[in-house]
């Protein structure tokens, strides 16, 4: 197995389009297809479902995506440590929420492609910890909902991420195209550890209250979205997650929430006083990807059903342009 095969697979998993993935990797489409077929033969498992007009991940492919991202991140850190000892390259320390969410990894991949000499260190941390690490200089950029950003941390909204609910197979909600928020009343909802993601828990609780009820909180906790999916497959609880992590959660079903439909706001975070070149590169890539991929577009239809748009939990000021 070669590192380039992992990189090609991650790129295709993010684009779900051979032409766009080949363009990002600067290779011809046939070469990309051959390398991925070779990877599948080496693993003896099918990672992708292909048709003439559609590409999707299999359950094995979704699970492999998380591990492939982590491997590439570890390789990048190892290269950075070795090169920084020789004083060769600038470094960027970027906070990420969870390997299951694709926003920051995709942005960093594009930043790396544009700045091949930049050494990028990905640090997995909750938003409160990212604020602290930004303040004390251990992080250069981060990602999260910026509603509780302290003074000295700037932010820019770049993605509105449709919120949905994870459910186990056989659950009545699987027959629905979209799930009204009010139907979650009385169902055990898994929330994150409050020290780890208070801003996300607040968003979910406020959404439920806007539909007329206080959520019934499941008693247990987990460390990651992937671990949450394991509990859901066992039928112990449900969990609200944004659409950006759907491909990384095999075995659980996701349905968009409606009445009201809500979009979780992702922002780039950085020290307000930091005007360094590599921080500006991240902000610029986030803006450009947001425009190119339509990340700020909020549809009036979800799961084939018309919805009442709610932005009340997503609103937040943007930082001035850099």
C-alpha atoms as a PDB file:
ATOM      1  CA  UNK A   1       0.000   0.000   0.000  1.00  0.00           C
ATOM      2  CA  UNK A   2       1.343   3.424  -0.960  1.00  0.00           C
ATOM      3  CA  UNK A   3       0.707   6.761   0.713  1.00  0.00           C
ATOM      4  CA  UNK A   4      -0.401   8.254  -2.595  1.00  0.00           C
ATOM      5  CA  UNK A   5      -3.146   5.618  -2.798  1.00  0.00           C
ATOM      6  CA  UNK A   6      -4.432   6.721   0.591  1.00  0.00           C
ATOM      7  CA  UNK A   7      -4.304  10.350  -0.490  1.00  0.00           C
ATOM      8  CA  UNK A   8      -6.141   9.594  -3.732  1.00  0.00           C
ATOM      9  CA  UNK A   9      -8.798   7.653  -1.834  1.00  0.00           C
ATOM     10  CA  UNK A  10      -9.361  10.476   0.673  1.00  0.00           C
ATOM     11  CA  UNK A  11      -9.645  13.016  -2.130  1.00  0.00           C
ATOM     12  CA  UNK A  12     -12.185  10.904  -4.019  1.00  0.00           C
ATOM     13  CA  UNK A  13     -14.156  10.246  -0.824  1.00  0.00           C
ATOM     14  CA  UNK A  14     -14.406  14.004  -0.316  1.00  0.00           C
ATOM     15  CA  UNK A  15     -15.323  14.871  -3.901  1.00  0.00           C
ATOM     16  CA  UNK A  16     -17.330  11.719  -4.802  1.00  0.00           C
ATOM     17  CA  UNK A  17     -16.454  12.553  -8.405  1.00  0.00           C
ATOM     18  CA  UNK A  18     -13.522  11.078 -10.324  1.00  0.00           C
ATOM     19  CA  UNK A  19     -13.006  14.132 -12.521  1.00  0.00           C
ATOM     20  CA  UNK A  20     -12.853  16.629  -9.651  1.00  0.00           C
ATOM     21  CA  UNK A  21     -10.670  14.308  -7.557  1.00  0.00           C
ATOM     22  CA  UNK A  22      -8.233  13.837 -10.447  1.00  0.00           C
ATOM     23  CA  UNK A  23      -8.058  17.603 -10.940  1.00  0.00           C
ATOM     24  CA  UNK A  24      -7.257  18.137  -7.263  1.00  0.00           C
ATOM     25  CA  UNK A  25      -4.476  15.551  -7.408  1.00  0.00           C
ATOM     26  CA  UNK A  26      -3.180  16.849 -10.749  1.00  0.00           C
ATOM     27  CA  UNK A  27      -3.367  13.422 -12.438  1.00  0.00           C
ATOM     28  CA  UNK A  28      -5.483  12.008 -15.243  1.00  0.00           C
ATOM     29  CA  UNK A  29      -8.748  10.335 -14.301  1.00  0.00           C
ATOM     30  CA  UNK A  30      -7.697   6.912 -15.596  1.00  0.00           C
ATOM     31  CA  UNK A  31      -4.598   6.910 -13.373  1.00  0.00           C
ATOM     32  CA  UNK A  32      -6.705   7.784 -10.334  1.00  0.00           C
ATOM     33  CA  UNK A  33      -9.139   4.974 -11.109  1.00  0.00           C
ATOM     34  CA  UNK A  34      -6.306   2.456 -11.578  1.00  0.00           C
ATOM     35  CA  UNK A  35      -4.660   3.365  -8.273  1.00  0.00           C
ATOM     36  CA  UNK A  36      -7.927   3.013  -6.365  1.00  0.00           C
ATOM     37  CA  UNK A  37      -8.683  -0.326  -7.998  1.00  0.00           C
ATOM     38  CA  UNK A  38      -5.207  -1.481  -6.992  1.00  0.00           C
ATOM     39  CA  UNK A  39      -5.856  -0.341  -3.421  1.00  0.00           C
ATOM     40  CA  UNK A  40      -9.100  -2.319  -3.312  1.00  0.00           C
ATOM     41  CA  UNK A  41      -7.318  -5.428  -4.602  1.00  0.00           C
ATOM     42  CA  UNK A  42      -4.621  -5.062  -1.948  1.00  0.00           C
ATOM     43  CA  UNK A  43      -7.230  -4.709   0.797  1.00  0.00           C
ATOM     44  CA  UNK A  44      -9.461  -7.395  -0.730  1.00  0.00           C
ATOM     45  CA  UNK A  45     -12.496  -5.236  -0.036  1.00  0.00           C
ATOM     46  CA  UNK A  46     -14.632  -2.882  -2.098  1.00  0.00           C
ATOM     47  CA  UNK A  47     -14.302   0.710  -0.865  1.00  0.00           C
ATOM     48  CA  UNK A  48     -16.463   2.420  -3.486  1.00  0.00           C
ATOM     49  CA  UNK A  49     -19.753   1.876  -5.253  1.00  0.00           C
ATOM     50  CA  UNK A  50     -19.391   3.138  -8.819  1.00  0.00           C
ATOM     51  CA  UNK A  51     -21.891   3.788 -11.571  1.00  0.00           C
ATOM     52  CA  UNK A  52     -21.790   5.891 -14.717  1.00  0.00           C
ATOM     53  CA  UNK A  53     -22.941   9.042 -12.936  1.00  0.00           C
ATOM     54  CA  UNK A  54     -22.488   8.293  -9.239  1.00  0.00           C
ATOM     55  CA  UNK A  55     -19.753   7.415  -6.743  1.00  0.00           C
ATOM     56  CA  UNK A  56     -20.404   6.559  -3.090  1.00  0.00           C
ATOM     57  CA  UNK A  57     -18.556   4.958  -0.202  1.00  0.00           C
ATOM     58  CA  UNK A  58     -19.337   1.445   0.955  1.00  0.00           C
ATOM     59  CA  UNK A  59     -19.520   0.785   4.699  1.00  0.00           C
ATOM     60  CA  UNK A  60     -15.940  -0.505   4.529  1.00  0.00           C
ATOM     61  CA  UNK A  61     -14.915   2.607   2.597  1.00  0.00           C
ATOM     62  CA  UNK A  62     -16.448   4.947   5.174  1.00  0.00           C
ATOM     63  CA  UNK A  63     -14.597   3.177   7.981  1.00  0.00           C
ATOM     64  CA  UNK A  64     -11.355   3.142   5.989  1.00  0.00           C
ATOM     65  CA  UNK A  65     -11.692   6.900   5.321  1.00  0.00           C
ATOM     66  CA  UNK A  66     -11.273   7.759   9.007  1.00  0.00           C
ATOM     67  CA  UNK A  67      -8.168   5.603   9.359  1.00  0.00           C
ATOM     68  CA  UNK A  68      -6.671   6.878   6.086  1.00  0.00           C
ATOM     69  CA  UNK A  69      -7.053  10.492   7.207  1.00  0.00           C
ATOM     70  CA  UNK A  70      -5.392   9.703  10.516  1.00  0.00           C
ATOM     71  CA  UNK A  71      -2.502   7.908   8.796  1.00  0.00           C
ATOM     72  CA  UNK A  72      -1.900  10.844   6.465  1.00  0.00           C
ATOM     73  CA  UNK A  73      -2.072  13.255   9.402  1.00  0.00           C
ATOM     74  CA  UNK A  74       0.468  11.183  11.366  1.00  0.00           C
ATOM     75  CA  UNK A  75       2.791  11.036   8.372  1.00  0.00           C
ATOM     76  CA  UNK A  76       2.524  14.796   7.991  1.00  0.00           C
ATOM     77  CA  UNK A  77       3.391  15.335  11.649  1.00  0.00           C
ATOM     78  CA  UNK A  78       6.354  12.951  11.421  1.00  0.00           C
ATOM     79  CA  UNK A  79       7.669  14.785   8.370  1.00  0.00           C
ATOM     80  CA  UNK A  80       7.176  18.090  10.127  1.00  0.00           C
ATOM     81  CA  UNK A  81       9.086  17.038  13.226  1.00  0.00           C
ATOM     82  CA  UNK A  82      11.998  15.791  11.159  1.00  0.00           C
ATOM     83  CA  UNK A  83      12.100  18.854   8.930  1.00  0.00           C
ATOM     84  CA  UNK A  84      11.611  21.380  11.728  1.00  0.00           C
ATOM     85  CA  UNK A  85      14.664  19.968  13.510  1.00  0.00           C
ATOM     86  CA  UNK A  86      16.657  21.147  10.486  1.00  0.00           C
ATOM     87  CA  UNK A  87      14.885  24.490  10.398  1.00  0.00           C
ATOM     88  CA  UNK A  88      13.697  23.934   6.842  1.00  0.00           C
ATOM     89  CA  UNK A  89      10.022  24.873   6.737  1.00  0.00           C
ATOM     90  CA  UNK A  90       7.369  27.017   8.403  1.00  0.00           C
ATOM     91  CA  UNK A  91       4.786  25.144  10.466  1.00  0.00           C
ATOM     92  CA  UNK A  92       1.029  25.495  10.941  1.00  0.00           C
ATOM     93  CA  UNK A  93      -0.717  24.041  13.992  1.00  0.00           C
ATOM     94  CA  UNK A  94      -4.403  23.501  13.238  1.00  0.00           C
ATOM     95  CA  UNK A  95      -7.133  22.397  15.622  1.00  0.00           C
ATOM     96  CA  UNK A  96      -9.674  19.858  14.389  1.00  0.00           C
ATOM     97  CA  UNK A  97     -12.824  18.665  16.165  1.00  0.00           C
ATOM     98  CA  UNK A  98     -13.000  15.003  15.229  1.00  0.00           C
ATOM     99  CA  UNK A  99     -11.636  12.949  12.338  1.00  0.00           C
ATOM    100  CA  UNK A 100     -15.250  12.206  11.355  1.00  0.00           C
ATOM    101  CA  UNK A 101     -15.883  15.835  10.300  1.00  0.00           C
ATOM    102  CA  UNK A 102     -14.507  16.728   6.899  1.00  0.00           C
ATOM    103  CA  UNK A 103     -14.398  20.552   6.799  1.00  0.00           C
ATOM    104  CA  UNK A 104     -10.985  21.313   8.287  1.00  0.00           C
ATOM    105  CA  UNK A 105      -9.172  18.293   6.757  1.00  0.00           C
ATOM    106  CA  UNK A 106     -10.386  19.385   3.312  1.00  0.00           C
ATOM    107  CA  UNK A 107      -9.281  22.963   3.884  1.00  0.00           C
ATOM    108  CA  UNK A 108      -5.878  21.885   5.152  1.00  0.00           C
ATOM    109  CA  UNK A 109      -5.401  19.548   2.213  1.00  0.00           C
ATOM    110  CA  UNK A 110      -5.925  22.461  -0.161  1.00  0.00           C
ATOM    111  CA  UNK A 111      -3.639  24.700   1.901  1.00  0.00           C
ATOM    112  CA  UNK A 112      -0.952  22.013   1.693  1.00  0.00           C
ATOM    113  CA  UNK A 113      -1.364  21.667  -2.070  1.00  0.00           C
ATOM    114  CA  UNK A 114      -0.862  25.414  -2.478  1.00  0.00           C
ATOM    115  CA  UNK A 115       1.997  25.570   0.034  1.00  0.00           C
ATOM    116  CA  UNK A 116       3.984  22.326  -0.346  1.00  0.00           C
ATOM    117  CA  UNK A 117       6.772  23.509   1.978  1.00  0.00           C
ATOM    118  CA  UNK A 118       4.381  24.293   4.824  1.00  0.00           C
ATOM    119  CA  UNK A 119       4.428  21.705   7.642  1.00  0.00           C
ATOM    120  CA  UNK A 120       0.909  21.198   9.019  1.00  0.00           C
ATOM    121  CA  UNK A 121       0.269  19.684  12.460  1.00  0.00           C
ATOM    122  CA  UNK A 122      -3.353  18.622  13.116  1.00  0.00           C
ATOM    123  CA  UNK A 123      -4.365  18.673  16.780  1.00  0.00           C
ATOM    124  CA  UNK A 124      -7.667  17.063  17.762  1.00  0.00           C
ATOM    125  CA  UNK A 125      -9.318  19.173  20.473  1.00  0.00           C
ATOM    126  CA  UNK A 126     -12.733  20.446  21.554  1.00  0.00           C
ATOM    127  CA  UNK A 127     -13.564  24.084  20.923  1.00  0.00           C
ATOM    128  CA  UNK A 128     -12.938  25.251  24.539  1.00  0.00           C
ATOM    129  CA  UNK A 129      -9.458  23.714  24.402  1.00  0.00           C
ATOM    130  CA  UNK A 130      -8.861  25.284  20.999  1.00  0.00           C
ATOM    131  CA  UNK A 131      -9.615  28.710  22.466  1.00  0.00           C
ATOM    132  CA  UNK A 132      -7.027  28.095  25.174  1.00  0.00           C
ATOM    133  CA  UNK A 133      -4.433  26.762  22.753  1.00  0.00           C
ATOM    134  CA  UNK A 134      -4.974  29.702  20.417  1.00  0.00           C
ATOM    135  CA  UNK A 135      -4.515  32.118  23.301  1.00  0.00           C
ATOM    136  CA  UNK A 136      -1.281  30.529  24.537  1.00  0.00           C
ATOM    137  CA  UNK A 137       0.181  30.027  21.066  1.00  0.00           C
ATOM    138  CA  UNK A 138      -0.050  26.239  20.866  1.00  0.00           C
ATOM    139  CA  UNK A 139      -2.488  26.529  17.917  1.00  0.00           C
ATOM    140  CA  UNK A 140      -2.465  28.881  14.942  1.00  0.00           C
ATOM    141  CA  UNK A 141      -5.982  28.159  13.638  1.00  0.00           C
ATOM    142  CA  UNK A 142      -9.002  26.198  14.812  1.00  0.00           C
ATOM    143  CA  UNK A 143     -12.557  25.346  13.833  1.00  0.00           C
ATOM    144  CA  UNK A 144     -15.889  25.403  15.634  1.00  0.00           C
ATOM    145  CA  UNK A 145     -19.018  27.337  16.441  1.00  0.00           C
ATOM    146  CA  UNK A 146     -17.699  30.737  17.450  1.00  0.00           C
ATOM    147  CA  UNK A 147     -20.589  31.875  19.626  1.00  0.00           C
ATOM    148  CA  UNK A 148     -18.437  31.699  22.794  1.00  0.00           C
ATOM    149  CA  UNK A 149     -15.174  32.939  21.275  1.00  0.00           C
ATOM    150  CA  UNK A 150     -13.235  34.942  23.894  1.00  0.00           C
ATOM    151  CA  UNK A 151     -11.716  38.361  23.267  1.00  0.00           C
ATOM    152  CA  UNK A 152      -8.591  38.012  21.191  1.00  0.00           C
ATOM    153  CA  UNK A 153      -9.937  35.134  19.067  1.00  0.00           C
ATOM    154  CA  UNK A 154     -11.242  36.141  15.641  1.00  0.00           C
ATOM    155  CA  UNK A 155     -13.616  34.031  13.585  1.00  0.00           C
ATOM    156  CA  UNK A 156     -15.132  33.780  10.127  1.00  0.00           C
ATOM    157  CA  UNK A 157     -18.198  31.727   9.269  1.00  0.00           C
ATOM    158  CA  UNK A 158     -17.591  29.525   6.215  1.00  0.00           C
ATOM    159  CA  UNK A 159     -20.083  26.648   6.365  1.00  0.00           C
ATOM    160  CA  UNK A 160     -23.726  26.118   7.264  1.00  0.00           C
ATOM    161  CA  UNK A 161     -23.984  22.374   7.932  1.00  0.00           C
ATOM    162  CA  UNK A 162     -27.455  20.805   7.865  1.00  0.00           C
ATOM    163  CA  UNK A 163     -28.233  19.122  11.191  1.00  0.00           C
ATOM    164  CA  UNK A 164     -29.763  15.656  11.253  1.00  0.00           C
ATOM    165  CA  UNK A 165     -30.261  12.702  13.553  1.00  0.00           C
ATOM    166  CA  UNK A 166     -28.412   9.363  13.624  1.00  0.00           C
ATOM    167  CA  UNK A 167     -30.696   6.372  14.078  1.00  0.00           C
ATOM    168  CA  UNK A 168     -30.246   2.582  14.137  1.00  0.00           C
ATOM    169  CA  UNK A 169     -31.471   0.254  11.420  1.00  0.00           C
ATOM    170  CA  UNK A 170     -35.109  -0.729  11.865  1.00  0.00           C
ATOM    171  CA  UNK A 171     -36.031   2.484  13.685  1.00  0.00           C
ATOM    172  CA  UNK A 172     -39.359   4.023  12.542  1.00  0.00           C
ATOM    173  CA  UNK A 173     -37.508   7.196  11.521  1.00  0.00           C
ATOM    174  CA  UNK A 174     -35.725   5.277   8.748  1.00  0.00           C
ATOM    175  CA  UNK A 175     -39.010   5.318   6.799  1.00  0.00           C
ATOM    176  CA  UNK A 176     -38.991   9.139   6.774  1.00  0.00           C
ATOM    177  CA  UNK A 177     -37.197  11.433   4.354  1.00  0.00           C
ATOM    178  CA  UNK A 178     -36.844  14.043   7.110  1.00  0.00           C
ATOM    179  CA  UNK A 179     -37.545  13.971  10.861  1.00  0.00           C
ATOM    180  CA  UNK A 180     -39.524  16.775  12.557  1.00  0.00           C
ATOM    181  CA  UNK A 181     -37.630  17.984  15.610  1.00  0.00           C
ATOM    182  CA  UNK A 182     -40.718  17.599  17.825  1.00  0.00           C
ATOM    183  CA  UNK A 183     -40.702  13.820  17.262  1.00  0.00           C
ATOM    184  CA  UNK A 184     -37.431  13.636  19.226  1.00  0.00           C
ATOM    185  CA  UNK A 185     -39.342  14.478  22.421  1.00  0.00           C
ATOM    186  CA  UNK A 186     -38.970  11.659  24.943  1.00  0.00           C
ATOM    187  CA  UNK A 187     -36.265   9.909  22.907  1.00  0.00           C
ATOM    188  CA  UNK A 188     -32.867   9.520  24.645  1.00  0.00           C
ATOM    189  CA  UNK A 189     -30.479  11.947  22.931  1.00  0.00           C
ATOM    190  CA  UNK A 190     -26.741  11.513  23.275  1.00  0.00           C
ATOM    191  CA  UNK A 191     -24.925  14.797  23.876  1.00  0.00           C
ATOM    192  CA  UNK A 192     -21.204  15.466  23.919  1.00  0.00           C
ATOM    193  CA  UNK A 193     -19.265  15.879  27.148  1.00  0.00           C
ATOM    194  CA  UNK A 194     -20.056  19.425  28.177  1.00  0.00           C
ATOM    195  CA  UNK A 195     -16.414  20.293  28.779  1.00  0.00           C
ATOM    196  CA  UNK A 196     -15.605  19.074  25.271  1.00  0.00           C
ATOM    197  CA  UNK A 197     -18.410  20.633  23.201  1.00  0.00           C
ATOM    198  CA  UNK A 198     -20.659  22.967  25.216  1.00  0.00           C
ATOM    199  CA  UNK A 199     -21.401  25.069  22.128  1.00  0.00           C
ATOM    200  CA  UNK A 200     -22.795  22.043  20.235  1.00  0.00           C
ATOM    201  CA  UNK A 201     -24.851  20.843  23.214  1.00  0.00           C
ATOM    202  CA  UNK A 202     -26.311  24.346  23.566  1.00  0.00           C
ATOM    203  CA  UNK A 203     -27.234  24.365  19.875  1.00  0.00           C
ATOM    204  CA  UNK A 204     -29.089  21.032  20.139  1.00  0.00           C
ATOM    205  CA  UNK A 205     -30.891  21.979  23.370  1.00  0.00           C
ATOM    206  CA  UNK A 206     -32.021  25.326  21.945  1.00  0.00           C
ATOM    207  CA  UNK A 207     -33.242  23.598  18.801  1.00  0.00           C
ATOM    208  CA  UNK A 208     -35.353  21.187  20.883  1.00  0.00           C
ATOM    209  CA  UNK A 209     -36.758  23.992  23.020  1.00  0.00           C
ATOM    210  CA  UNK A 210     -37.738  25.893  19.859  1.00  0.00           C
ATOM    211  CA  UNK A 211     -39.891  22.849  19.003  1.00  0.00           C
ATOM    212  CA  UNK A 212     -41.580  22.954  22.417  1.00  0.00           C
ATOM    213  CA  UNK A 213     -39.724  20.407  24.561  1.00  0.00           C
ATOM    214  CA  UNK A 214     -36.623  19.852  26.654  1.00  0.00           C
ATOM    215  CA  UNK A 215     -34.562  16.927  25.371  1.00  0.00           C
ATOM    216  CA  UNK A 216     -34.250  13.683  27.314  1.00  0.00           C
ATOM    217  CA  UNK A 217     -30.478  13.346  27.670  1.00  0.00           C
ATOM    218  CA  UNK A 218     -28.909   9.878  27.466  1.00  0.00           C
ATOM    219  CA  UNK A 219     -26.862   9.174  30.601  1.00  0.00           C
ATOM    220  CA  UNK A 220     -23.661   7.951  28.961  1.00  0.00           C
ATOM    221  CA  UNK A 221     -20.969   9.845  27.092  1.00  0.00           C
ATOM    222  CA  UNK A 222     -18.488   9.060  24.334  1.00  0.00           C
ATOM    223  CA  UNK A 223     -15.237  10.566  23.082  1.00  0.00           C
ATOM    224  CA  UNK A 224     -16.022  10.691  19.345  1.00  0.00           C
ATOM    225  CA  UNK A 225     -18.808  10.685  16.783  1.00  0.00           C
ATOM    226  CA  UNK A 226     -17.705   7.237  15.639  1.00  0.00           C
ATOM    227  CA  UNK A 227     -18.159   5.920  19.191  1.00  0.00           C
ATOM    228  CA  UNK A 228     -21.590   7.559  19.268  1.00  0.00           C
ATOM    229  CA  UNK A 229     -22.527   5.621  16.124  1.00  0.00           C
ATOM    230  CA  UNK A 230     -21.694   2.377  17.956  1.00  0.00           C
ATOM    231  CA  UNK A 231     -24.198   3.219  20.727  1.00  0.00           C
ATOM    232  CA  UNK A 232     -26.817   4.142  18.151  1.00  0.00           C
ATOM    233  CA  UNK A 233     -26.396   0.860  16.266  1.00  0.00           C
ATOM    234  CA  UNK A 234     -27.057  -0.889  19.583  1.00  0.00           C
ATOM    235  CA  UNK A 235     -30.362   1.004  19.858  1.00  0.00           C
ATOM    236  CA  UNK A 236     -29.463   2.767  23.105  1.00  0.00           C
ATOM    237  CA  UNK A 237     -29.948   6.370  21.966  1.00  0.00           C
ATOM    238  CA  UNK A 238     -30.188   8.826  19.094  1.00  0.00           C
ATOM    239  CA  UNK A 239     -27.700  11.575  18.311  1.00  0.00           C
ATOM    240  CA  UNK A 240     -27.878  14.855  16.393  1.00  0.00           C
ATOM    241  CA  UNK A 241     -24.946  15.389  14.018  1.00  0.00           C
ATOM    242  CA  UNK A 242     -24.302  17.637  11.004  1.00  0.00           C
ATOM    243  CA  UNK A 243     -24.314  16.295   7.459  1.00  0.00           C
ATOM    244  CA  UNK A 244     -20.545  16.739   7.063  1.00  0.00           C
ATOM    245  CA  UNK A 245     -19.799  13.567   9.038  1.00  0.00           C
ATOM    246  CA  UNK A 246     -22.321  11.224   7.347  1.00  0.00           C
ATOM    247  CA  UNK A 247     -19.813   9.380   5.095  1.00  0.00           C
ATOM    248  CA  UNK A 248     -17.670   8.480   8.101  1.00  0.00           C
ATOM    249  CA  UNK A 249     -20.408   6.648  10.046  1.00  0.00           C
ATOM    250  CA  UNK A 250     -21.109   3.228   8.532  1.00  0.00           C
ATOM    251  CA  UNK A 251     -23.936   1.161   9.951  1.00  0.00           C
ATOM    252  CA  UNK A 252     -26.015   4.062  11.276  1.00  0.00           C
ATOM    253  CA  UNK A 253     -28.710   5.910   9.337  1.00  0.00           C
ATOM    254  CA  UNK A 254     -28.909   9.702   9.098  1.00  0.00           C
ATOM    255  CA  UNK A 255     -32.026  11.747   8.435  1.00  0.00           C
ATOM    256  CA  UNK A 256     -32.169  15.551   8.186  1.00  0.00           C
ATOM    257  CA  UNK A 257     -34.127  17.376  10.857  1.00  0.00           C
ATOM    258  CA  UNK A 258     -36.970  19.693   9.923  1.00  0.00           C
ATOM    259  CA  UNK A 259     -39.650  21.864  11.559  1.00  0.00           C
ATOM    260  CA  UNK A 260     -37.387  23.699  12.121  1.00  0.00           C
ATOM    261  CA  UNK A 261     -34.479  22.784   9.874  1.00  0.00           C
ATOM    262  CA  UNK A 262     -31.213  24.003  11.392  1.00  0.00           C
ATOM    263  CA  UNK A 263     -27.738  24.468   9.985  1.00  0.00           C
ATOM    264  CA  UNK A 264     -24.754  24.189  12.287  1.00  0.00           C
ATOM    265  CA  UNK A 265     -22.335  27.103  11.806  1.00  0.00           C
ATOM    266  CA  UNK A 266     -18.664  26.242  11.307  1.00  0.00           C
ATOM    267  CA  UNK A 267     -16.125  29.056  11.617  1.00  0.00           C
ATOM    268  CA  UNK A 268     -12.379  29.315  11.191  1.00  0.00           C
ATOM    269  CA  UNK A 269     -10.793  30.526  14.444  1.00  0.00           C
ATOM    270  CA  UNK A 270      -7.492  32.341  14.863  1.00  0.00           C
ATOM    271  CA  UNK A 271      -5.729  34.870  17.107  1.00  0.00           C
ATOM    272  CA  UNK A 272      -7.029  38.298  16.137  1.00  0.00           C
ATOM    273  CA  UNK A 273      -3.521  39.745  16.287  1.00  0.00           C
ATOM    274  CA  UNK A 274      -2.021  37.026  14.078  1.00  0.00           C
ATOM    275  CA  UNK A 275      -1.666  38.258  10.502  1.00  0.00           C
ATOM    276  CA  UNK A 276       0.885  35.618   9.488  1.00  0.00           C
ATOM    277  CA  UNK A 277       1.027  34.287   5.957  1.00  0.00           C
ATOM    278  CA  UNK A 278       0.049  30.705   6.815  1.00  0.00           C
ATOM    279  CA  UNK A 279      -2.991  31.804   8.855  1.00  0.00           C
ATOM    280  CA  UNK A 280      -4.139  34.014   5.978  1.00  0.00           C
ATOM    281  CA  UNK A 281      -3.687  31.016   3.661  1.00  0.00           C
ATOM    282  CA  UNK A 282      -6.144  28.956   5.737  1.00  0.00           C
ATOM    283  CA  UNK A 283      -8.727  31.746   5.816  1.00  0.00           C
ATOM    284  CA  UNK A 284      -8.408  32.310   2.076  1.00  0.00           C
ATOM    285  CA  UNK A 285      -8.812  28.583   1.301  1.00  0.00           C
ATOM    286  CA  UNK A 286     -11.861  28.357   3.589  1.00  0.00           C
ATOM    287  CA  UNK A 287     -13.505  31.293   1.807  1.00  0.00           C
ATOM    288  CA  UNK A 288     -12.780  29.936  -1.647  1.00  0.00           C
ATOM    289  CA  UNK A 289     -13.905  26.378  -0.839  1.00  0.00           C
ATOM    290  CA  UNK A 290     -17.061  27.759   0.765  1.00  0.00           C
ATOM    291  CA  UNK A 291     -17.954  29.621  -2.420  1.00  0.00           C
ATOM    292  CA  UNK A 292     -16.946  26.771  -4.737  1.00  0.00           C
ATOM    293  CA  UNK A 293     -18.801  24.046  -2.830  1.00  0.00           C
ATOM    294  CA  UNK A 294     -21.808  26.132  -1.796  1.00  0.00           C
ATOM    295  CA  UNK A 295     -21.202  25.624   1.912  1.00  0.00           C
ATOM    296  CA  UNK A 296     -23.137  28.760   2.866  1.00  0.00           C
ATOM    297  CA  UNK A 297     -26.194  27.879   0.784  1.00  0.00           C
ATOM    298  CA  UNK A 298     -29.295  27.101   2.847  1.00  0.00           C
ATOM    299  CA  UNK A 299     -31.923  25.155   0.906  1.00  0.00           C
ATOM    300  CA  UNK A 300     -35.664  25.524   1.358  1.00  0.00           C
ATOM    301  CA  UNK A 301     -36.134  21.776   0.879  1.00  0.00           C
ATOM    302  CA  UNK A 302     -34.732  18.983   3.022  1.00  0.00           C
ATOM    303  CA  UNK A 303     -35.110  15.298   2.205  1.00  0.00           C
ATOM    304  CA  UNK A 304     -37.610  16.172  -0.517  1.00  0.00           C
ATOM    305  CA  UNK A 305     -39.851  18.058   1.941  1.00  0.00           C
ATOM    306  CA  UNK A 306     -40.334  21.842   2.204  1.00  0.00           C
ATOM    307  CA  UNK A 307     -38.969  23.148   5.495  1.00  0.00           C
ATOM    308  CA  UNK A 308     -39.200  26.220   7.665  1.00  0.00           C
ATOM    309  CA  UNK A 309     -35.732  27.755   7.649  1.00  0.00           C
ATOM    310  CA  UNK A 310     -34.318  28.607  11.049  1.00  0.00           C
ATOM    311  CA  UNK A 311     -31.078  30.528  11.360  1.00  0.00           C
ATOM    312  CA  UNK A 312     -31.680  31.636  14.954  1.00  0.00           C
ATOM    313  CA  UNK A 313     -29.058  29.286  16.413  1.00  0.00           C
ATOM    314  CA  UNK A 314     -26.549  29.800  13.624  1.00  0.00           C
ATOM    315  CA  UNK A 315     -26.184  33.562  13.531  1.00  0.00           C
ATOM    316  CA  UNK A 316     -22.870  35.036  14.576  1.00  0.00           C
ATOM    317  CA  UNK A 317     -20.761  37.965  13.457  1.00  0.00           C
ATOM    318  CA  UNK A 318     -18.012  37.432  10.914  1.00  0.00           C
ATOM    319  CA  UNK A 319     -14.542  38.817  11.349  1.00  0.00           C
ATOM    320  CA  UNK A 320     -13.374  41.633   9.136  1.00  0.00           C
ATOM    321  CA  UNK A 321     -11.723  40.562   5.888  1.00  0.00           C
ATOM    322  CA  UNK A 322      -8.003  39.884   5.995  1.00  0.00           C
END
